[in-house]
């Protein structure tokens, strides 16, 4: 039997970055060419595990609207 993977990992660094740049989830959704949703951004910020593909979509959207370029470890601590 596989051990249960922790799914709720607490607030992620993504939330802090959004605050620092004065951004909201809607800004990421609007900037995303891959079609991320408000729910996906909310889950990312709350620490619910996202698939690697979803993580990359959130990262790409943030890099389109933020004045600085970020990497996945900057957004997620898992």
C-alpha atoms as a PDB file:
ATOM      1  CA  UNK A   1       0.000   0.000   0.000  1.00  0.00           C
ATOM      2  CA  UNK A   2       1.312   3.458  -0.947  1.00  0.00           C
ATOM      3  CA  UNK A   3       1.678   6.086   1.772  1.00  0.00           C
ATOM      4  CA  UNK A   4      -0.732   9.010   1.428  1.00  0.00           C
ATOM      5  CA  UNK A   5       0.850  12.039  -0.270  1.00  0.00           C
ATOM      6  CA  UNK A   6       0.325  15.311   1.603  1.00  0.00           C
ATOM      7  CA  UNK A   7      -1.840  17.521  -0.592  1.00  0.00           C
ATOM      8  CA  UNK A   8      -2.345  20.654   1.515  1.00  0.00           C
ATOM      9  CA  UNK A   9       1.013  22.352   1.774  1.00  0.00           C
ATOM     10  CA  UNK A  10       0.035  25.788   3.059  1.00  0.00           C
ATOM     11  CA  UNK A  11       0.366  29.193   1.459  1.00  0.00           C
ATOM     12  CA  UNK A  12       2.889  29.180  -1.362  1.00  0.00           C
ATOM     13  CA  UNK A  13       5.469  31.841  -2.308  1.00  0.00           C
ATOM     14  CA  UNK A  14       3.273  32.626  -5.327  1.00  0.00           C
ATOM     15  CA  UNK A  15       0.863  34.507  -3.045  1.00  0.00           C
ATOM     16  CA  UNK A  16       3.659  36.711  -1.694  1.00  0.00           C
ATOM     17  CA  UNK A  17       4.880  37.482  -5.214  1.00  0.00           C
ATOM     18  CA  UNK A  18       1.384  38.451  -6.341  1.00  0.00           C
ATOM     19  CA  UNK A  19       1.087  40.816  -3.354  1.00  0.00           C
ATOM     20  CA  UNK A  20       4.534  42.330  -3.986  1.00  0.00           C
ATOM     21  CA  UNK A  21       3.644  43.164  -7.580  1.00  0.00           C
ATOM     22  CA  UNK A  22       0.082  44.265  -6.826  1.00  0.00           C
ATOM     23  CA  UNK A  23      -1.371  41.463  -8.927  1.00  0.00           C
ATOM     24  CA  UNK A  24      -4.504  39.376  -8.528  1.00  0.00           C
ATOM     25  CA  UNK A  25      -5.491  35.941  -9.759  1.00  0.00           C
ATOM     26  CA  UNK A  26      -7.457  37.577 -12.565  1.00  0.00           C
ATOM     27  CA  UNK A  27      -4.273  39.179 -13.898  1.00  0.00           C
ATOM     28  CA  UNK A  28      -2.694  35.736 -14.296  1.00  0.00           C
ATOM     29  CA  UNK A  29      -5.816  34.267 -15.887  1.00  0.00           C
ATOM     30  CA  UNK A  30      -6.011  37.143 -18.384  1.00  0.00           C
ATOM     31  CA  UNK A  31      -2.290  36.853 -19.257  1.00  0.00           C
ATOM     32  CA  UNK A  32      -2.280  33.090 -19.697  1.00  0.00           C
ATOM     33  CA  UNK A  33      -2.123  31.827 -23.269  1.00  0.00           C
ATOM     34  CA  UNK A  34      -2.648  28.274 -21.969  1.00  0.00           C
ATOM     35  CA  UNK A  35      -6.035  28.876 -20.425  1.00  0.00           C
ATOM     36  CA  UNK A  36      -5.533  28.728 -16.673  1.00  0.00           C
ATOM     37  CA  UNK A  37      -8.541  29.319 -14.459  1.00  0.00           C
ATOM     38  CA  UNK A  38      -9.181  31.333 -11.318  1.00  0.00           C
ATOM     39  CA  UNK A  39      -9.665  28.053  -9.470  1.00  0.00           C
ATOM     40  CA  UNK A  40      -6.254  26.817 -10.604  1.00  0.00           C
ATOM     41  CA  UNK A  41      -4.545  29.995  -9.348  1.00  0.00           C
ATOM     42  CA  UNK A  42      -6.439  29.774  -6.040  1.00  0.00           C
ATOM     43  CA  UNK A  43      -5.392  26.147  -5.574  1.00  0.00           C
ATOM     44  CA  UNK A  44      -1.779  27.041  -6.410  1.00  0.00           C
ATOM     45  CA  UNK A  45      -1.719  29.788  -3.791  1.00  0.00           C
ATOM     46  CA  UNK A  46      -3.307  27.648  -1.086  1.00  0.00           C
ATOM     47  CA  UNK A  47      -0.730  24.910  -1.530  1.00  0.00           C
ATOM     48  CA  UNK A  48      -2.815  22.263  -3.238  1.00  0.00           C
ATOM     49  CA  UNK A  49      -0.483  20.232  -5.436  1.00  0.00           C
ATOM     50  CA  UNK A  50      -0.722  21.096  -9.109  1.00  0.00           C
ATOM     51  CA  UNK A  51       0.465  18.927 -11.965  1.00  0.00           C
ATOM     52  CA  UNK A  52       3.800  19.964 -13.478  1.00  0.00           C
ATOM     53  CA  UNK A  53       1.931  21.171 -16.570  1.00  0.00           C
ATOM     54  CA  UNK A  54      -0.396  23.379 -14.501  1.00  0.00           C
ATOM     55  CA  UNK A  55       2.573  24.729 -12.553  1.00  0.00           C
ATOM     56  CA  UNK A  56       4.271  25.724 -15.792  1.00  0.00           C
ATOM     57  CA  UNK A  57       1.115  27.482 -17.015  1.00  0.00           C
ATOM     58  CA  UNK A  58       0.934  29.533 -13.806  1.00  0.00           C
ATOM     59  CA  UNK A  59       4.642  30.329 -14.084  1.00  0.00           C
ATOM     60  CA  UNK A  60       4.305  31.449 -17.700  1.00  0.00           C
ATOM     61  CA  UNK A  61       1.358  33.700 -16.863  1.00  0.00           C
ATOM     62  CA  UNK A  62       3.211  35.294 -13.941  1.00  0.00           C
ATOM     63  CA  UNK A  63       6.283  35.921 -16.085  1.00  0.00           C
ATOM     64  CA  UNK A  64       4.093  37.708 -18.644  1.00  0.00           C
ATOM     65  CA  UNK A  65       2.755  40.234 -16.100  1.00  0.00           C
ATOM     66  CA  UNK A  66       5.554  40.560 -13.520  1.00  0.00           C
ATOM     67  CA  UNK A  67       8.492  42.920 -14.043  1.00  0.00           C
ATOM     68  CA  UNK A  68      10.912  40.116 -13.156  1.00  0.00           C
ATOM     69  CA  UNK A  69      11.395  36.582 -14.523  1.00  0.00           C
ATOM     70  CA  UNK A  70      10.705  33.757 -12.063  1.00  0.00           C
ATOM     71  CA  UNK A  71      11.315  30.004 -11.975  1.00  0.00           C
ATOM     72  CA  UNK A  72       9.171  27.230 -10.472  1.00  0.00           C
ATOM     73  CA  UNK A  73      11.086  27.123  -7.149  1.00  0.00           C
ATOM     74  CA  UNK A  74      10.273  30.836  -6.761  1.00  0.00           C
ATOM     75  CA  UNK A  75       6.530  30.054  -6.890  1.00  0.00           C
ATOM     76  CA  UNK A  76       6.149  26.689  -5.175  1.00  0.00           C
ATOM     77  CA  UNK A  77       7.895  25.116  -2.169  1.00  0.00           C
ATOM     78  CA  UNK A  78       7.083  21.511  -3.041  1.00  0.00           C
END
